[in-house]
Amino acid sequence: MFVLGNFLVALGKTLGIGIKIYMFLVILSAVSTWFTVDPFHPIIRFLRGTTEPVFSRIRRFLPPIGFVDISPLLVILILYFLLQFLPPTLIKAGGSLQN
């Protein structure tokens, strides 16, 4: 069972890093909308390509609030919840299987 425990610990830690990286991308994407940027720049296209599918799903459930887009804020809150819940749960479950 220690192999499964090690796997869950590694999965929890890797998932935590992945969530933090995606949260950083969401913040960069939101900040990039405040400035005039070239939409065809490779970095901007990467940011929009990785975050816009999630933003569009969130926007479907949000009522329109004028010119303010709060979907990045909601995505960050969801990611923060997942960061506080999933990795510690997996790490603790893996730690209990290692003994």
PDB file of N, CA and C in Angstrom:
ATOM      1  N   MET A   1       0.810  -1.200   0.000  1.00  0.00           N
ATOM      2  CA  MET A   1       0.000   0.000   0.000  1.00  0.00           C
ATOM      3  C   MET A   1       0.851   1.262   0.000  1.00  0.00           C
ATOM      4  N   PHE A   2       2.139   1.119   0.356  1.00  0.00           N
ATOM      5  CA  PHE A   2       2.974   2.308   0.410  1.00  0.00           C
ATOM      6  C   PHE A   2       3.176   2.917  -0.970  1.00  0.00           C
ATOM      7  N   VAL A   3       3.093   2.094  -2.025  1.00  0.00           N
ATOM      8  CA  VAL A   3       3.241   2.623  -3.383  1.00  0.00           C
ATOM      9  C   VAL A   3       2.059   3.534  -3.704  1.00  0.00           C
ATOM     10  N   LEU A   4       0.858   3.107  -3.359  1.00  0.00           N
ATOM     11  CA  LEU A   4      -0.320   3.934  -3.571  1.00  0.00           C
ATOM     12  C   LEU A   4      -0.236   5.201  -2.724  1.00  0.00           C
ATOM     13  N   GLY A   5       0.272   5.072  -1.501  1.00  0.00           N
ATOM     14  CA  GLY A   5       0.450   6.242  -0.644  1.00  0.00           C
ATOM     15  C   GLY A   5       1.421   7.244  -1.235  1.00  0.00           C
ATOM     16  N   ASN A   6       2.547   6.753  -1.735  1.00  0.00           N
ATOM     17  CA  ASN A   6       3.520   7.637  -2.386  1.00  0.00           C
ATOM     18  C   ASN A   6       2.924   8.296  -3.625  1.00  0.00           C
ATOM     19  N   PHE A   7       2.139   7.536  -4.378  1.00  0.00           N
ATOM     20  CA  PHE A   7       1.499   8.080  -5.577  1.00  0.00           C
ATOM     21  C   PHE A   7       0.541   9.206  -5.205  1.00  0.00           C
ATOM     22  N   LEU A   8      -0.267   9.015  -4.161  1.00  0.00           N
ATOM     23  CA  LEU A   8      -1.224  10.048  -3.763  1.00  0.00           C
ATOM     24  C   LEU A   8      -0.523  11.299  -3.244  1.00  0.00           C
ATOM     25  N   VAL A   9       0.566  11.124  -2.506  1.00  0.00           N
ATOM     26  CA  VAL A   9       1.328  12.283  -2.029  1.00  0.00           C
ATOM     27  C   VAL A   9       1.908  13.051  -3.217  1.00  0.00           C
ATOM     28  N   ALA A  10       2.511  12.336  -4.154  1.00  0.00           N
ATOM     29  CA  ALA A  10       3.089  12.992  -5.331  1.00  0.00           C
ATOM     30  C   ALA A  10       1.997  13.664  -6.169  1.00  0.00           C
ATOM     31  N   LEU A  11       0.858  13.003  -6.312  1.00  0.00           N
ATOM     32  CA  LEU A  11      -0.250  13.578  -7.064  1.00  0.00           C
ATOM     33  C   LEU A  11      -0.757  14.851  -6.394  1.00  0.00           C
ATOM     34  N   GLY A  12      -0.876  14.843  -5.089  1.00  0.00           N
ATOM     35  CA  GLY A  12      -1.334  16.024  -4.364  1.00  0.00           C
ATOM     36  C   GLY A  12      -0.386  17.197  -4.521  1.00  0.00           C
ATOM     37  N   LYS A  13       0.904  16.941  -4.396  1.00  0.00           N
ATOM     38  CA  LYS A  13       1.889  18.012  -4.535  1.00  0.00           C
ATOM     39  C   LYS A  13       1.927  18.554  -5.961  1.00  0.00           C
ATOM     40  N   THR A  14       1.866  17.667  -6.944  1.00  0.00           N
ATOM     41  CA  THR A  14       1.873  18.088  -8.341  1.00  0.00           C
ATOM     42  C   THR A  14       0.611  18.865  -8.689  1.00  0.00           C
ATOM     43  N   LEU A  15      -0.516  18.422  -8.179  1.00  0.00           N
ATOM     44  CA  LEU A  15      -1.782  19.124  -8.410  1.00  0.00           C
ATOM     45  C   LEU A  15      -1.734  20.527  -7.805  1.00  0.00           C
ATOM     46  N   GLY A  16      -1.152  20.657  -6.638  1.00  0.00           N
ATOM     47  CA  GLY A  16      -1.006  21.967  -6.011  1.00  0.00           C
ATOM     48  C   GLY A  16      -0.173  22.914  -6.861  1.00  0.00           C
ATOM     49  N   ILE A  17       0.922  22.416  -7.402  1.00  0.00           N
ATOM     50  CA  ILE A  17       1.776  23.241  -8.261  1.00  0.00           C
ATOM     51  C   ILE A  17       1.023  23.628  -9.530  1.00  0.00           C
ATOM     52  N   GLY A  18       0.294  22.679 -10.113  1.00  0.00           N
ATOM     53  CA  GLY A  18      -0.474  22.969 -11.328  1.00  0.00           C
ATOM     54  C   GLY A  18      -1.549  24.018 -11.105  1.00  0.00           C
ATOM     55  N   ILE A  19      -2.232  23.944  -9.979  1.00  0.00           N
ATOM     56  CA  ILE A  19      -3.262  24.936  -9.669  1.00  0.00           C
ATOM     57  C   ILE A  19      -2.639  26.310  -9.475  1.00  0.00           C
ATOM     58  N   LYS A  20      -1.495  26.381  -8.816  1.00  0.00           N
ATOM     59  CA  LYS A  20      -0.820  27.665  -8.614  1.00  0.00           C
ATOM     60  C   LYS A  20      -0.374  28.268  -9.941  1.00  0.00           C
ATOM     61  N   ILE A  21       0.143  27.441 -10.842  1.00  0.00           N
ATOM     62  CA  ILE A  21       0.574  27.929 -12.160  1.00  0.00           C
ATOM     63  C   ILE A  21      -0.627  28.453 -12.938  1.00  0.00           C
ATOM     64  N   TYR A  22      -1.748  27.716 -12.917  1.00  0.00           N
ATOM     65  CA  TYR A  22      -2.926  28.161 -13.660  1.00  0.00           C
ATOM     66  C   TYR A  22      -3.497  29.443 -13.044  1.00  0.00           C
ATOM     67  N   MET A  23      -3.432  29.572 -11.717  1.00  0.00           N
ATOM     68  CA  MET A  23      -3.890  30.790 -11.070  1.00  0.00           C
ATOM     69  C   MET A  23      -3.040  31.983 -11.531  1.00  0.00           C
ATOM     70  N   PHE A  24      -1.742  31.779 -11.661  1.00  0.00           N
ATOM     71  CA  PHE A  24      -0.845  32.817 -12.161  1.00  0.00           C
ATOM     72  C   PHE A  24      -1.203  33.199 -13.596  1.00  0.00           C
ATOM     73  N   LEU A  25      -1.526  32.206 -14.434  1.00  0.00           N
ATOM     74  CA  LEU A  25      -1.922  32.492 -15.816  1.00  0.00           C
ATOM     75  C   LEU A  25      -3.226  33.283 -15.868  1.00  0.00           C
ATOM     76  N   VAL A  26      -4.167  32.964 -14.986  1.00  0.00           N
ATOM     77  CA  VAL A  26      -5.437  33.697 -14.934  1.00  0.00           C
ATOM     78  C   VAL A  26      -5.176  35.152 -14.553  1.00  0.00           C
ATOM     79  N   ILE A  27      -4.311  35.368 -13.573  1.00  0.00           N
ATOM     80  CA  ILE A  27      -3.991  36.740 -13.162  1.00  0.00           C
ATOM     81  C   ILE A  27      -3.316  37.496 -14.299  1.00  0.00           C
ATOM     82  N   LEU A  28      -2.360  36.867 -14.973  1.00  0.00           N
ATOM     83  CA  LEU A  28      -1.693  37.520 -16.103  1.00  0.00           C
ATOM     84  C   LEU A  28      -2.677  37.849 -17.219  1.00  0.00           C
ATOM     85  N   SER A  29      -3.583  36.943 -17.497  1.00  0.00           N
ATOM     86  CA  SER A  29      -4.570  37.176 -18.546  1.00  0.00           C
ATOM     87  C   SER A  29      -5.492  38.333 -18.181  1.00  0.00           C
ATOM     88  N   ALA A  30      -5.916  38.393 -16.927  1.00  0.00           N
ATOM     89  CA  ALA A  30      -6.787  39.486 -16.496  1.00  0.00           C
ATOM     90  C   ALA A  30      -6.056  40.826 -16.542  1.00  0.00           C
ATOM     91  N   VAL A  31      -4.809  40.850 -16.097  1.00  0.00           N
ATOM     92  CA  VAL A  31      -4.038  42.101 -16.103  1.00  0.00           C
ATOM     93  C   VAL A  31      -3.749  42.541 -17.528  1.00  0.00           C
ATOM     94  N   SER A  32      -3.547  41.611 -18.442  1.00  0.00           N
ATOM     95  CA  SER A  32      -3.235  41.976 -19.823  1.00  0.00           C
ATOM     96  C   SER A  32      -4.417  42.668 -20.507  1.00  0.00           C
ATOM     97  N   THR A  33      -5.630  42.489 -19.997  1.00  0.00           N
ATOM     98  CA  THR A  33      -6.778  43.173 -20.594  1.00  0.00           C
ATOM     99  C   THR A  33      -6.837  44.638 -20.189  1.00  0.00           C
ATOM    100  N   TRP A  34      -6.068  45.047 -19.198  1.00  0.00           N
ATOM    101  CA  TRP A  34      -6.061  46.446 -18.769  1.00  0.00           C
ATOM    102  C   TRP A  34      -5.213  47.322 -19.681  1.00  0.00           C
ATOM    103  N   PHE A  35      -4.365  46.719 -20.503  1.00  0.00           N
ATOM    104  CA  PHE A  35      -3.435  47.465 -21.338  1.00  0.00           C
ATOM    105  C   PHE A  35      -3.718  47.174 -22.806  1.00  0.00           C
ATOM    106  N   THR A  36      -3.218  48.056 -23.653  1.00  0.00           N
ATOM    107  CA  THR A  36      -3.315  47.832 -25.087  1.00  0.00           C
ATOM    108  C   THR A  36      -2.173  46.910 -25.494  1.00  0.00           C
ATOM    109  N   VAL A  37      -2.539  45.683 -25.853  1.00  0.00           N
ATOM    110  CA  VAL A  37      -1.534  44.697 -26.248  1.00  0.00           C
ATOM    111  C   VAL A  37      -1.890  44.163 -27.623  1.00  0.00           C
ATOM    112  N   ASP A  38      -0.884  43.650 -28.299  1.00  0.00           N
ATOM    113  CA  ASP A  38      -1.094  43.045 -29.609  1.00  0.00           C
ATOM    114  C   ASP A  38      -1.773  41.690 -29.408  1.00  0.00           C
ATOM    115  N   PRO A  39      -3.011  41.511 -29.901  1.00  0.00           N
ATOM    116  CA  PRO A  39      -3.703  40.236 -29.668  1.00  0.00           C
ATOM    117  C   PRO A  39      -3.064  39.066 -30.413  1.00  0.00           C
ATOM    118  N   PHE A  40      -2.164  39.353 -31.345  1.00  0.00           N
ATOM    119  CA  PHE A  40      -1.521  38.277 -32.099  1.00  0.00           C
ATOM    120  C   PHE A  40      -0.142  37.922 -31.551  1.00  0.00           C
ATOM    121  N   HIS A  41       0.258  38.570 -30.464  1.00  0.00           N
ATOM    122  CA  HIS A  41       1.532  38.232 -29.837  1.00  0.00           C
ATOM    123  C   HIS A  41       1.426  36.811 -29.275  1.00  0.00           C
ATOM    124  N   PRO A  42       2.461  35.980 -29.437  1.00  0.00           N
ATOM    125  CA  PRO A  42       2.378  34.575 -28.998  1.00  0.00           C
ATOM    126  C   PRO A  42       2.062  34.405 -27.516  1.00  0.00           C
ATOM    127  N   ILE A  43       2.593  35.267 -26.669  1.00  0.00           N
ATOM    128  CA  ILE A  43       2.320  35.132 -25.231  1.00  0.00           C
ATOM    129  C   ILE A  43       0.860  35.440 -24.939  1.00  0.00           C
ATOM    130  N   ILE A  44       0.334  36.498 -25.554  1.00  0.00           N
ATOM    131  CA  ILE A  44      -1.071  36.864 -25.343  1.00  0.00           C
ATOM    132  C   ILE A  44      -1.985  35.783 -25.901  1.00  0.00           C
ATOM    133  N   ARG A  45      -1.641  35.237 -27.045  1.00  0.00           N
ATOM    134  CA  ARG A  45      -2.454  34.149 -27.615  1.00  0.00           C
ATOM    135  C   ARG A  45      -2.431  32.925 -26.710  1.00  0.00           C
ATOM    136  N   PHE A  46      -1.272  32.626 -26.115  1.00  0.00           N
ATOM    137  CA  PHE A  46      -1.182  31.505 -25.179  1.00  0.00           C
ATOM    138  C   PHE A  46      -2.043  31.760 -23.944  1.00  0.00           C
ATOM    139  N   LEU A  47      -1.943  32.976 -23.382  1.00  0.00           N
ATOM    140  CA  LEU A  47      -2.746  33.300 -22.205  1.00  0.00           C
ATOM    141  C   LEU A  47      -4.232  33.198 -22.501  1.00  0.00           C
ATOM    142  N   ARG A  48      -4.650  33.767 -23.612  1.00  0.00           N
ATOM    143  CA  ARG A  48      -6.073  33.726 -23.958  1.00  0.00           C
ATOM    144  C   ARG A  48      -6.521  32.299 -24.288  1.00  0.00           C
ATOM    145  N   GLY A  49      -5.661  31.546 -24.934  1.00  0.00           N
ATOM    146  CA  GLY A  49      -6.008  30.172 -25.288  1.00  0.00           C
ATOM    147  C   GLY A  49      -6.151  29.257 -24.081  1.00  0.00           C
ATOM    148  N   THR A  50      -5.392  29.530 -23.024  1.00  0.00           N
ATOM    149  CA  THR A  50      -5.465  28.675 -21.841  1.00  0.00           C
ATOM    150  C   THR A  50      -6.520  29.119 -20.846  1.00  0.00           C
ATOM    151  N   THR A  51      -6.887  30.402 -20.864  1.00  0.00           N
ATOM    152  CA  THR A  51      -7.840  30.884 -19.867  1.00  0.00           C
ATOM    153  C   THR A  51      -9.234  31.159 -20.410  1.00  0.00           C
ATOM    154  N   GLU A  52      -9.346  31.517 -21.661  1.00  0.00           N
ATOM    155  CA  GLU A  52     -10.648  31.909 -22.211  1.00  0.00           C
ATOM    156  C   GLU A  52     -11.685  30.784 -22.192  1.00  0.00           C
ATOM    157  N   PRO A  53     -11.327  29.525 -22.427  1.00  0.00           N
ATOM    158  CA  PRO A  53     -12.361  28.473 -22.313  1.00  0.00           C
ATOM    159  C   PRO A  53     -12.991  28.404 -20.925  1.00  0.00           C
ATOM    160  N   VAL A  54     -12.207  28.597 -19.882  1.00  0.00           N
ATOM    161  CA  VAL A  54     -12.743  28.576 -18.521  1.00  0.00           C
ATOM    162  C   VAL A  54     -13.565  29.838 -18.268  1.00  0.00           C
ATOM    163  N   PHE A  55     -13.047  30.991 -18.712  1.00  0.00           N
ATOM    164  CA  PHE A  55     -13.788  32.241 -18.531  1.00  0.00           C
ATOM    165  C   PHE A  55     -15.151  32.182 -19.218  1.00  0.00           C
ATOM    166  N   SER A  56     -15.190  31.641 -20.427  1.00  0.00           N
ATOM    167  CA  SER A  56     -16.464  31.615 -21.159  1.00  0.00           C
ATOM    168  C   SER A  56     -17.486  30.715 -20.471  1.00  0.00           C
ATOM    169  N   ARG A  57     -17.035  29.626 -19.865  1.00  0.00           N
ATOM    170  CA  ARG A  57     -17.969  28.767 -19.128  1.00  0.00           C
ATOM    171  C   ARG A  57     -18.519  29.472 -17.894  1.00  0.00           C
ATOM    172  N   ILE A  58     -17.677  30.225 -17.227  1.00  0.00           N
ATOM    173  CA  ILE A  58     -18.117  30.971 -16.043  1.00  0.00           C
ATOM    174  C   ILE A  58     -19.062  32.104 -16.448  1.00  0.00           C
ATOM    175  N   ARG A  59     -18.764  32.776 -17.575  1.00  0.00           N
ATOM    176  CA  ARG A  59     -19.596  33.897 -18.021  1.00  0.00           C
ATOM    177  C   ARG A  59     -21.022  33.476 -18.342  1.00  0.00           C
ATOM    178  N   ARG A  60     -21.219  32.219 -18.722  1.00  0.00           N
ATOM    179  CA  ARG A  60     -22.569  31.742 -19.026  1.00  0.00           C
ATOM    180  C   ARG A  60     -23.492  31.821 -17.813  1.00  0.00           C
ATOM    181  N   PHE A  61     -22.921  31.688 -16.619  1.00  0.00           N
ATOM    182  CA  PHE A  61     -23.721  31.668 -15.400  1.00  0.00           C
ATOM    183  C   PHE A  61     -23.775  33.022 -14.694  1.00  0.00           C
ATOM    184  N   LEU A  62     -22.976  33.985 -15.144  1.00  0.00           N
ATOM    185  CA  LEU A  62     -22.939  35.292 -14.503  1.00  0.00           C
ATOM    186  C   LEU A  62     -23.864  36.276 -15.212  1.00  0.00           C
ATOM    187  N   PRO A  63     -24.603  37.066 -14.467  1.00  0.00           N
ATOM    188  CA  PRO A  63     -25.395  38.111 -15.120  1.00  0.00           C
ATOM    189  C   PRO A  63     -24.472  39.225 -15.611  1.00  0.00           C
ATOM    190  N   PRO A  64     -24.845  39.936 -16.667  1.00  0.00           N
ATOM    191  CA  PRO A  64     -23.989  41.036 -17.143  1.00  0.00           C
ATOM    192  C   PRO A  64     -23.910  42.161 -16.110  1.00  0.00           C
ATOM    193  N   ILE A  65     -22.689  42.634 -15.890  1.00  0.00           N
ATOM    194  CA  ILE A  65     -22.449  43.693 -14.908  1.00  0.00           C
ATOM    195  C   ILE A  65     -21.753  44.848 -15.625  1.00  0.00           C
ATOM    196  N   GLY A  66     -22.416  45.450 -16.574  1.00  0.00           N
ATOM    197  CA  GLY A  66     -21.836  46.582 -17.300  1.00  0.00           C
ATOM    198  C   GLY A  66     -20.589  46.176 -18.057  1.00  0.00           C
ATOM    199  N   PHE A  67     -19.526  46.965 -17.874  1.00  0.00           N
ATOM    200  CA  PHE A  67     -18.272  46.706 -18.582  1.00  0.00           C
ATOM    201  C   PHE A  67     -17.285  45.904 -17.752  1.00  0.00           C
ATOM    202  N   VAL A  68     -17.691  45.457 -16.583  1.00  0.00           N
ATOM    203  CA  VAL A  68     -16.786  44.752 -15.682  1.00  0.00           C
ATOM    204  C   VAL A  68     -16.940  43.245 -15.873  1.00  0.00           C
ATOM    205  N   ASP A  69     -15.822  42.585 -16.104  1.00  0.00           N
ATOM    206  CA  ASP A  69     -15.817  41.130 -16.248  1.00  0.00           C
ATOM    207  C   ASP A  69     -15.265  40.539 -14.955  1.00  0.00           C
ATOM    208  N   ILE A  70     -16.140  39.882 -14.193  1.00  0.00           N
ATOM    209  CA  ILE A  70     -15.688  39.310 -12.924  1.00  0.00           C
ATOM    210  C   ILE A  70     -15.392  37.817 -13.033  1.00  0.00           C
ATOM    211  N   SER A  71     -15.414  37.278 -14.236  1.00  0.00           N
ATOM    212  CA  SER A  71     -15.130  35.854 -14.389  1.00  0.00           C
ATOM    213  C   SER A  71     -13.715  35.486 -13.929  1.00  0.00           C
ATOM    214  N   PRO A  72     -12.661  36.303 -14.172  1.00  0.00           N
ATOM    215  CA  PRO A  72     -11.352  35.937 -13.624  1.00  0.00           C
ATOM    216  C   PRO A  72     -11.347  35.865 -12.100  1.00  0.00           C
ATOM    217  N   LEU A  73     -12.060  36.766 -11.452  1.00  0.00           N
ATOM    218  CA  LEU A  73     -12.128  36.744  -9.994  1.00  0.00           C
ATOM    219  C   LEU A  73     -12.797  35.470  -9.499  1.00  0.00           C
ATOM    220  N   LEU A  74     -13.870  35.081 -10.151  1.00  0.00           N
ATOM    221  CA  LEU A  74     -14.566  33.855  -9.755  1.00  0.00           C
ATOM    222  C   LEU A  74     -13.700  32.623 -10.008  1.00  0.00           C
ATOM    223  N   VAL A  75     -12.969  32.618 -11.122  1.00  0.00           N
ATOM    224  CA  VAL A  75     -12.066  31.499 -11.420  1.00  0.00           C
ATOM    225  C   VAL A  75     -10.969  31.414 -10.367  1.00  0.00           C
ATOM    226  N   ILE A  76     -10.420  32.559  -9.949  1.00  0.00           N
ATOM    227  CA  ILE A  76      -9.383  32.559  -8.914  1.00  0.00           C
ATOM    228  C   ILE A  76      -9.947  32.028  -7.605  1.00  0.00           C
ATOM    229  N   LEU A  77     -11.165  32.416  -7.253  1.00  0.00           N
ATOM    230  CA  LEU A  77     -11.777  31.910  -6.020  1.00  0.00           C
ATOM    231  C   LEU A  77     -11.985  30.402  -6.076  1.00  0.00           C
ATOM    232  N   ILE A  78     -12.419  29.897  -7.215  1.00  0.00           N
ATOM    233  CA  ILE A  78     -12.608  28.451  -7.376  1.00  0.00           C
ATOM    234  C   ILE A  78     -11.267  27.728  -7.284  1.00  0.00           C
ATOM    235  N   LEU A  79     -10.253  28.275  -7.950  1.00  0.00           N
ATOM    236  CA  LEU A  79      -8.926  27.661  -7.902  1.00  0.00           C
ATOM    237  C   LEU A  79      -8.353  27.690  -6.488  1.00  0.00           C
ATOM    238  N   TYR A  80      -8.595  28.778  -5.762  1.00  0.00           N
ATOM    239  CA  TYR A  80      -8.111  28.864  -4.387  1.00  0.00           C
ATOM    240  C   TYR A  80      -8.785  27.814  -3.505  1.00  0.00           C
ATOM    241  N   PHE A  81     -10.094  27.634  -3.701  1.00  0.00           N
ATOM    242  CA  PHE A  81     -10.798  26.593  -2.952  1.00  0.00           C
ATOM    243  C   PHE A  81     -10.211  25.221  -3.272  1.00  0.00           C
ATOM    244  N   LEU A  82     -10.005  24.948  -4.545  1.00  0.00           N
ATOM    245  CA  LEU A  82      -9.432  23.652  -4.942  1.00  0.00           C
ATOM    246  C   LEU A  82      -8.023  23.473  -4.374  1.00  0.00           C
ATOM    247  N   LEU A  83      -7.249  24.560  -4.341  1.00  0.00           N
ATOM    248  CA  LEU A  83      -5.897  24.498  -3.803  1.00  0.00           C
ATOM    249  C   LEU A  83      -5.902  24.196  -2.309  1.00  0.00           C
ATOM    250  N   GLN A  84      -6.882  24.701  -1.590  1.00  0.00           N
ATOM    251  CA  GLN A  84      -6.963  24.455  -0.154  1.00  0.00           C
ATOM    252  C   GLN A  84      -7.574  23.102   0.177  1.00  0.00           C
ATOM    253  N   PHE A  85      -8.295  22.508  -0.764  1.00  0.00           N
ATOM    254  CA  PHE A  85      -9.011  21.269  -0.489  1.00  0.00           C
ATOM    255  C   PHE A  85      -8.319  20.029  -1.061  1.00  0.00           C
ATOM    256  N   LEU A  86      -8.051  20.016  -2.356  1.00  0.00           N
ATOM    257  CA  LEU A  86      -7.580  18.790  -3.012  1.00  0.00           C
ATOM    258  C   LEU A  86      -6.165  18.351  -2.611  1.00  0.00           C
ATOM    259  N   PRO A  87      -5.128  19.194  -2.769  1.00  0.00           N
ATOM    260  CA  PRO A  87      -3.785  18.702  -2.425  1.00  0.00           C
ATOM    261  C   PRO A  87      -3.638  18.243  -0.977  1.00  0.00           C
ATOM    262  N   PRO A  88      -4.127  19.004   0.028  1.00  0.00           N
ATOM    263  CA  PRO A  88      -3.975  18.495   1.399  1.00  0.00           C
ATOM    264  C   PRO A  88      -4.719  17.184   1.636  1.00  0.00           C
ATOM    265  N   THR A  89      -5.883  17.037   0.994  1.00  0.00           N
ATOM    266  CA  THR A  89      -6.641  15.797   1.151  1.00  0.00           C
ATOM    267  C   THR A  89      -5.879  14.613   0.567  1.00  0.00           C
ATOM    268  N   LEU A  90      -5.326  14.793  -0.634  1.00  0.00           N
ATOM    269  CA  LEU A  90      -4.568  13.713  -1.261  1.00  0.00           C
ATOM    270  C   LEU A  90      -3.294  13.399  -0.476  1.00  0.00           C
ATOM    271  N   ILE A  91      -2.619  14.435   0.006  1.00  0.00           N
ATOM    272  CA  ILE A  91      -1.385  14.220   0.753  1.00  0.00           C
ATOM    273  C   ILE A  91      -1.668  13.502   2.075  1.00  0.00           C
ATOM    274  N   LYS A  92      -2.742  13.906   2.748  1.00  0.00           N
ATOM    275  CA  LYS A  92      -3.079  13.244   4.011  1.00  0.00           C
ATOM    276  C   LYS A  92      -3.514  11.792   3.788  1.00  0.00           C
ATOM    277  N   ALA A  93      -4.296  11.558   2.730  1.00  0.00           N
ATOM    278  CA  ALA A  93      -4.708  10.182   2.421  1.00  0.00           C
ATOM    279  C   ALA A  93      -3.485   9.336   2.048  1.00  0.00           C
ATOM    280  N   GLY A  94      -2.578   9.903   1.283  1.00  0.00           N
ATOM    281  CA  GLY A  94      -1.368   9.184   0.938  1.00  0.00           C
ATOM    282  C   GLY A  94      -0.481   8.919   2.131  1.00  0.00           C
ATOM    283  N   GLY A  95      -0.402   9.886   3.038  1.00  0.00           N
ATOM    284  CA  GLY A  95       0.400   9.707   4.250  1.00  0.00           C
ATOM    285  C   GLY A  95      -0.151   8.610   5.140  1.00  0.00           C
ATOM    286  N   SER A  96      -1.463   8.480   5.196  1.00  0.00           N
ATOM    287  CA  SER A  96      -2.046   7.411   6.027  1.00  0.00           C
ATOM    288  C   SER A  96      -1.834   6.045   5.405  1.00  0.00           C
ATOM    289  N   LEU A  97      -1.667   5.982   4.085  1.00  0.00           N
ATOM    290  CA  LEU A  97      -1.423   4.693   3.428  1.00  0.00           C
ATOM    291  C   LEU A  97       0.061   4.312   3.468  1.00  0.00           C
ATOM    292  N   GLN A  98       0.937   5.251   3.727  1.00  0.00           N
ATOM    293  CA  GLN A  98       2.367   4.947   3.749  1.00  0.00           C
ATOM    294  C   GLN A  98       2.776   4.194   5.002  1.00  0.00           C
ATOM    295  N   ASN A  99       2.038   4.343   6.087  1.00  0.00           N
ATOM    296  CA  ASN A  99       2.428   3.692   7.353  1.00  0.00           C
ATOM    297  C   ASN A  99       2.084   2.237   7.388  1.00  0.00           C
TER     298      ASN A  99
END
